[in-house]
Amino acid sequence: MRIKTTLILLSALFAAKNLRAADGDTFPAMMLEGVEITCKVISESEKTCQIGSGVKEHSYDGGVSIEIALTLPSEVNGYKVVKLADWAFASWWGMYSIEIPEGVTSIGNSAFSGCSRLKSISLPSTLSELGDSDYPEVFNNCYNLEEIKVAEGNTTYDSRNNCNAIIQEKQGITHLVYACKGTTI
């Protein structure tokens, strides 16, 4: 029996905490089946943070098997989420869908590496940096990825003509950044 869990992190749940932190401070956003989702303050003065999980970097032997469609928040504890950390959700084997909110400008290297059941991802119009600019490995080992949507209005990446891929125009050259099972170009 497949258990479908949908997680929507709502900033309203955390508003009462109204944290004040220094740059670099990390605080828990929430726990999900024993896995901590954290926020790390990027800039206290700008009230920005990056989001990630408690799964250790390069942890391909430990993974998270919770079956989940994950919708990330645009704000946690009064901090705008502008980045997903390197390895943010790596080895979340059970995650089959993720929606990244408007306002996120950067997704770190290997953020979804090893998410072998990930089938769909929605990227915001604000996204301007996807992993290492020379060799992005954000979706490494996401063998079942079937659907990639880049929101209209993104000036860096697109999924033109519903191609199910991430395409980037860079210095007048079209680059295929990432393709999946359903890519048509």
C-alpha atoms as a PDB file:
ATOM      1  CA  MET A   1       0.000   0.000   0.000  1.00  0.00           C
ATOM      2  CA  ARG A   2       1.405   3.320  -1.021  1.00  0.00           C
ATOM      3  CA  ILE A   3       1.213   6.040   1.580  1.00  0.00           C
ATOM      4  CA  LYS A   4       0.986   9.459  -0.004  1.00  0.00           C
ATOM      5  CA  THR A   5       2.164  12.232   2.226  1.00  0.00           C
ATOM      6  CA  THR A   6       1.996  15.801   1.080  1.00  0.00           C
ATOM      7  CA  LEU A   7       4.033  18.275   3.056  1.00  0.00           C
ATOM      8  CA  ILE A   8       3.397  21.941   2.799  1.00  0.00           C
ATOM      9  CA  LEU A   9       5.589  24.020   5.056  1.00  0.00           C
ATOM     10  CA  LEU A  10       3.628  27.106   5.921  1.00  0.00           C
ATOM     11  CA  SER A  11       5.376  30.143   7.298  1.00  0.00           C
ATOM     12  CA  ALA A  12       2.285  30.869   9.418  1.00  0.00           C
ATOM     13  CA  LEU A  13       3.153  27.838  11.535  1.00  0.00           C
ATOM     14  CA  PHE A  14       6.457  29.470  12.444  1.00  0.00           C
ATOM     15  CA  ALA A  15       5.479  33.149  12.625  1.00  0.00           C
ATOM     16  CA  ALA A  16       4.978  33.027  16.376  1.00  0.00           C
ATOM     17  CA  LYS A  17       8.652  32.206  16.902  1.00  0.00           C
ATOM     18  CA  ASN A  18       9.841  35.421  15.171  1.00  0.00           C
ATOM     19  CA  LEU A  19      13.493  34.455  15.470  1.00  0.00           C
ATOM     20  CA  ARG A  20      16.397  36.886  15.377  1.00  0.00           C
ATOM     21  CA  ALA A  21      19.613  35.282  14.274  1.00  0.00           C
ATOM     22  CA  ALA A  22      23.081  36.112  12.993  1.00  0.00           C
ATOM     23  CA  ASP A  23      24.427  35.350   9.530  1.00  0.00           C
ATOM     24  CA  GLY A  24      25.300  31.655   9.370  1.00  0.00           C
ATOM     25  CA  ASP A  25      23.013  30.591  12.223  1.00  0.00           C
ATOM     26  CA  THR A  26      20.976  27.456  11.570  1.00  0.00           C
ATOM     27  CA  PHE A  27      17.590  26.729  13.088  1.00  0.00           C
ATOM     28  CA  PRO A  28      15.071  23.929  12.628  1.00  0.00           C
ATOM     29  CA  ALA A  29      12.151  24.620  10.342  1.00  0.00           C
ATOM     30  CA  MET A  30      10.368  21.349  11.146  1.00  0.00           C
ATOM     31  CA  MET A  31      10.736  17.623  11.643  1.00  0.00           C
ATOM     32  CA  LEU A  32       9.269  15.129   9.217  1.00  0.00           C
ATOM     33  CA  GLU A  33       9.325  11.478  10.262  1.00  0.00           C
ATOM     34  CA  GLY A  34      12.535  12.077  12.208  1.00  0.00           C
ATOM     35  CA  VAL A  35      14.248  14.111   9.483  1.00  0.00           C
ATOM     36  CA  GLU A  36      14.999  17.716  10.350  1.00  0.00           C
ATOM     37  CA  ILE A  37      14.489  20.373   7.709  1.00  0.00           C
ATOM     38  CA  THR A  38      16.666  23.360   8.569  1.00  0.00           C
ATOM     39  CA  CYS A  39      17.113  26.979   7.607  1.00  0.00           C
ATOM     40  CA  LYS A  40      20.521  28.639   7.575  1.00  0.00           C
ATOM     41  CA  VAL A  41      20.561  32.433   7.709  1.00  0.00           C
ATOM     42  CA  ILE A  42      22.317  33.912   4.692  1.00  0.00           C
ATOM     43  CA  SER A  43      21.734  37.558   5.626  1.00  0.00           C
ATOM     44  CA  GLU A  44      20.095  38.743   8.833  1.00  0.00           C
ATOM     45  CA  SER A  45      19.826  42.292   7.484  1.00  0.00           C
ATOM     46  CA  GLU A  46      18.026  41.100   4.326  1.00  0.00           C
ATOM     47  CA  LYS A  47      16.144  38.356   6.201  1.00  0.00           C
ATOM     48  CA  THR A  48      17.190  35.608   3.760  1.00  0.00           C
ATOM     49  CA  CYS A  49      17.962  31.937   4.349  1.00  0.00           C
ATOM     50  CA  GLN A  50      18.751  28.661   2.635  1.00  0.00           C
ATOM     51  CA  ILE A  51      16.824  25.503   3.310  1.00  0.00           C
ATOM     52  CA  GLY A  52      18.127  21.955   3.600  1.00  0.00           C
ATOM     53  CA  SER A  53      17.612  18.728   5.469  1.00  0.00           C
ATOM     54  CA  GLY A  54      19.371  16.894   8.225  1.00  0.00           C
ATOM     55  CA  VAL A  55      20.553  14.147   5.867  1.00  0.00           C
ATOM     56  CA  LYS A  56      24.340  14.236   5.795  1.00  0.00           C
ATOM     57  CA  GLU A  57      26.240  15.158   2.665  1.00  0.00           C
ATOM     58  CA  HIS A  58      27.121  12.230   0.414  1.00  0.00           C
ATOM     59  CA  SER A  59      24.814   9.991   2.464  1.00  0.00           C
ATOM     60  CA  TYR A  60      23.853   7.443  -0.172  1.00  0.00           C
ATOM     61  CA  ASP A  61      23.747   4.673   2.410  1.00  0.00           C
ATOM     62  CA  GLY A  62      21.318   6.389   4.777  1.00  0.00           C
ATOM     63  CA  GLY A  63      18.633   8.103   2.649  1.00  0.00           C
ATOM     64  CA  VAL A  64      15.058   9.117   3.460  1.00  0.00           C
ATOM     65  CA  SER A  65      12.389   6.725   2.262  1.00  0.00           C
ATOM     66  CA  ILE A  66       9.268   8.761   3.185  1.00  0.00           C
ATOM     67  CA  GLU A  67       6.891   8.836   0.197  1.00  0.00           C
ATOM     68  CA  ILE A  68       6.259  12.523  -0.245  1.00  0.00           C
ATOM     69  CA  ALA A  69       5.218  15.296  -2.604  1.00  0.00           C
ATOM     70  CA  LEU A  70       7.141  18.238  -1.181  1.00  0.00           C
ATOM     71  CA  THR A  71       6.089  21.870  -1.525  1.00  0.00           C
ATOM     72  CA  LEU A  72       8.734  24.151  -0.051  1.00  0.00           C
ATOM     73  CA  PRO A  73       7.850  27.394   1.734  1.00  0.00           C
ATOM     74  CA  SER A  74       8.791  30.813   0.423  1.00  0.00           C
ATOM     75  CA  GLU A  75       9.393  32.014   3.979  1.00  0.00           C
ATOM     76  CA  VAL A  76      10.293  30.464   7.340  1.00  0.00           C
ATOM     77  CA  ASN A  77      10.330  32.373  10.633  1.00  0.00           C
ATOM     78  CA  GLY A  78      10.285  35.686   8.773  1.00  0.00           C
ATOM     79  CA  TYR A  79      13.260  34.737   6.554  1.00  0.00           C
ATOM     80  CA  LYS A  80      12.774  34.570   2.778  1.00  0.00           C
ATOM     81  CA  VAL A  81      13.946  31.251   1.343  1.00  0.00           C
ATOM     82  CA  VAL A  82      16.299  32.193  -1.511  1.00  0.00           C
ATOM     83  CA  LYS A  83      18.481  29.097  -1.792  1.00  0.00           C
ATOM     84  CA  LEU A  84      18.406  25.326  -1.474  1.00  0.00           C
ATOM     85  CA  ALA A  85      21.653  24.142   0.103  1.00  0.00           C
ATOM     86  CA  ASP A  86      24.168  21.795  -1.518  1.00  0.00           C
ATOM     87  CA  TRP A  87      22.872  18.249  -0.895  1.00  0.00           C
ATOM     88  CA  ALA A  88      19.628  19.785   0.499  1.00  0.00           C
ATOM     89  CA  PHE A  89      17.429  16.781  -0.232  1.00  0.00           C
ATOM     90  CA  ALA A  90      19.992  14.269  -1.460  1.00  0.00           C
ATOM     91  CA  SER A  91      18.980  10.636  -1.017  1.00  0.00           C
ATOM     92  CA  TRP A  92      15.317  11.377  -0.323  1.00  0.00           C
ATOM     93  CA  TRP A  93      14.414   8.154  -2.156  1.00  0.00           C
ATOM     94  CA  GLY A  94      10.710   8.413  -1.451  1.00  0.00           C
ATOM     95  CA  MET A  95      10.250  11.977  -2.737  1.00  0.00           C
ATOM     96  CA  TYR A  96       8.295  11.773  -5.966  1.00  0.00           C
ATOM     97  CA  SER A  97       7.502  15.455  -6.536  1.00  0.00           C
ATOM     98  CA  ILE A  98       8.906  18.816  -5.470  1.00  0.00           C
ATOM     99  CA  GLU A  99       7.678  22.342  -6.011  1.00  0.00           C
ATOM    100  CA  ILE A 100      10.203  25.106  -5.393  1.00  0.00           C
ATOM    101  CA  PRO A 101       8.642  28.486  -4.543  1.00  0.00           C
ATOM    102  CA  GLU A 102       9.051  31.857  -6.202  1.00  0.00           C
ATOM    103  CA  GLY A 103      11.867  33.776  -4.557  1.00  0.00           C
ATOM    104  CA  VAL A 104      14.371  30.912  -4.674  1.00  0.00           C
ATOM    105  CA  THR A 105      17.275  32.115  -6.830  1.00  0.00           C
ATOM    106  CA  SER A 106      19.784  29.292  -6.309  1.00  0.00           C
ATOM    107  CA  ILE A 107      19.789  25.510  -5.998  1.00  0.00           C
ATOM    108  CA  GLY A 108      23.009  24.014  -4.648  1.00  0.00           C
ATOM    109  CA  ASN A 109      25.091  21.204  -6.086  1.00  0.00           C
ATOM    110  CA  SER A 110      23.611  17.729  -5.728  1.00  0.00           C
ATOM    111  CA  ALA A 111      20.502  19.160  -4.045  1.00  0.00           C
ATOM    112  CA  PHE A 112      18.442  16.211  -5.312  1.00  0.00           C
ATOM    113  CA  SER A 113      21.170  13.622  -5.978  1.00  0.00           C
ATOM    114  CA  GLY A 114      19.980  10.108  -5.351  1.00  0.00           C
ATOM    115  CA  CYS A 115      16.264  10.988  -5.381  1.00  0.00           C
ATOM    116  CA  SER A 116      15.624   7.911  -7.473  1.00  0.00           C
ATOM    117  CA  ARG A 117      11.798   8.088  -7.274  1.00  0.00           C
ATOM    118  CA  LEU A 118      11.569  11.799  -8.111  1.00  0.00           C
ATOM    119  CA  LYS A 119       9.159  12.108 -11.042  1.00  0.00           C
ATOM    120  CA  SER A 120       8.386  15.820 -11.281  1.00  0.00           C
ATOM    121  CA  ILE A 121       9.910  19.138 -10.336  1.00  0.00           C
ATOM    122  CA  SER A 122       8.639  22.701 -10.691  1.00  0.00           C
ATOM    123  CA  LEU A 123      11.209  25.486 -10.772  1.00  0.00           C
ATOM    124  CA  PRO A 124      10.382  29.180 -10.125  1.00  0.00           C
ATOM    125  CA  SER A 125      10.780  32.143 -12.448  1.00  0.00           C
ATOM    126  CA  THR A 126      13.278  33.609  -9.959  1.00  0.00           C
ATOM    127  CA  LEU A 127      15.806  30.766 -10.316  1.00  0.00           C
ATOM    128  CA  SER A 128      19.101  32.047 -11.752  1.00  0.00           C
ATOM    129  CA  GLU A 129      21.685  29.568 -10.461  1.00  0.00           C
ATOM    130  CA  LEU A 130      21.487  25.807 -10.737  1.00  0.00           C
ATOM    131  CA  GLY A 131      24.376  23.961  -9.089  1.00  0.00           C
ATOM    132  CA  ASP A 132      27.927  24.550 -10.227  1.00  0.00           C
ATOM    133  CA  SER A 133      27.738  26.738 -13.322  1.00  0.00           C
ATOM    134  CA  ASP A 134      30.296  24.623 -15.207  1.00  0.00           C
ATOM    135  CA  TYR A 135      28.807  21.218 -14.418  1.00  0.00           C
ATOM    136  CA  PRO A 136      25.478  21.235 -12.592  1.00  0.00           C
ATOM    137  CA  GLU A 137      24.781  17.910 -10.884  1.00  0.00           C
ATOM    138  CA  VAL A 138      21.607  18.954  -9.129  1.00  0.00           C
ATOM    139  CA  PHE A 139      19.582  15.937 -10.318  1.00  0.00           C
ATOM    140  CA  ASN A 140      22.317  13.291 -10.372  1.00  0.00           C
ATOM    141  CA  ASN A 141      20.816   9.762 -10.170  1.00  0.00           C
ATOM    142  CA  CYS A 142      17.207  10.940 -10.539  1.00  0.00           C
ATOM    143  CA  TYR A 143      16.434   8.047 -12.887  1.00  0.00           C
ATOM    144  CA  ASN A 144      12.644   8.376 -12.850  1.00  0.00           C
ATOM    145  CA  LEU A 145      12.365  12.114 -13.509  1.00  0.00           C
ATOM    146  CA  GLU A 146       9.613  12.511 -16.113  1.00  0.00           C
ATOM    147  CA  GLU A 147       8.481  16.108 -15.821  1.00  0.00           C
ATOM    148  CA  ILE A 148      10.434  19.353 -15.474  1.00  0.00           C
ATOM    149  CA  LYS A 149       8.623  22.681 -15.456  1.00  0.00           C
ATOM    150  CA  VAL A 150      10.366  26.041 -15.391  1.00  0.00           C
ATOM    151  CA  ALA A 151       7.939  28.863 -14.640  1.00  0.00           C
ATOM    152  CA  GLU A 152       7.328  31.358 -17.416  1.00  0.00           C
ATOM    153  CA  GLY A 153       9.223  34.594 -17.019  1.00  0.00           C
ATOM    154  CA  ASN A 154      12.487  32.973 -15.921  1.00  0.00           C
ATOM    155  CA  THR A 155      15.249  34.945 -17.657  1.00  0.00           C
ATOM    156  CA  THR A 156      17.974  32.299 -17.122  1.00  0.00           C
ATOM    157  CA  TYR A 157      16.303  28.921 -17.694  1.00  0.00           C
ATOM    158  CA  ASP A 158      13.253  27.677 -19.539  1.00  0.00           C
ATOM    159  CA  SER A 159      11.306  24.587 -20.586  1.00  0.00           C
ATOM    160  CA  ARG A 160      10.281  25.924 -23.970  1.00  0.00           C
ATOM    161  CA  ASN A 161       7.459  24.249 -25.838  1.00  0.00           C
ATOM    162  CA  ASN A 162       6.807  21.925 -22.876  1.00  0.00           C
ATOM    163  CA  CYS A 163      10.040  20.083 -23.689  1.00  0.00           C
ATOM    164  CA  ASN A 164      10.429  18.581 -20.163  1.00  0.00           C
ATOM    165  CA  ALA A 165      13.999  19.824 -19.888  1.00  0.00           C
ATOM    166  CA  ILE A 166      15.952  22.695 -18.422  1.00  0.00           C
ATOM    167  CA  ILE A 167      17.388  24.888 -21.154  1.00  0.00           C
ATOM    168  CA  GLN A 168      19.681  27.878 -20.707  1.00  0.00           C
ATOM    169  CA  GLU A 169      20.568  30.650 -23.120  1.00  0.00           C
ATOM    170  CA  LYS A 170      24.127  31.702 -22.349  1.00  0.00           C
ATOM    171  CA  GLN A 171      26.141  34.140 -24.449  1.00  0.00           C
ATOM    172  CA  GLY A 172      23.863  33.545 -27.431  1.00  0.00           C
ATOM    173  CA  ILE A 173      24.204  29.747 -27.259  1.00  0.00           C
ATOM    174  CA  THR A 174      21.406  27.369 -26.271  1.00  0.00           C
ATOM    175  CA  HIS A 175      22.483  24.769 -23.691  1.00  0.00           C
ATOM    176  CA  LEU A 176      20.585  21.696 -22.579  1.00  0.00           C
ATOM    177  CA  VAL A 177      21.202  21.786 -18.814  1.00  0.00           C
ATOM    178  CA  TYR A 178      19.156  18.747 -17.826  1.00  0.00           C
ATOM    179  CA  ALA A 179      16.872  16.326 -19.646  1.00  0.00           C
ATOM    180  CA  CYS A 180      14.587  13.601 -18.328  1.00  0.00           C
ATOM    181  CA  LYS A 181      12.601  10.606 -19.584  1.00  0.00           C
ATOM    182  CA  GLY A 182       9.951  12.719 -21.279  1.00  0.00           C
ATOM    183  CA  THR A 183      12.261  15.287 -22.926  1.00  0.00           C
ATOM    184  CA  THR A 184      11.417  16.291 -26.479  1.00  0.00           C
ATOM    185  CA  ILE A 185      13.530  18.873 -28.256  1.00  0.00           C
END
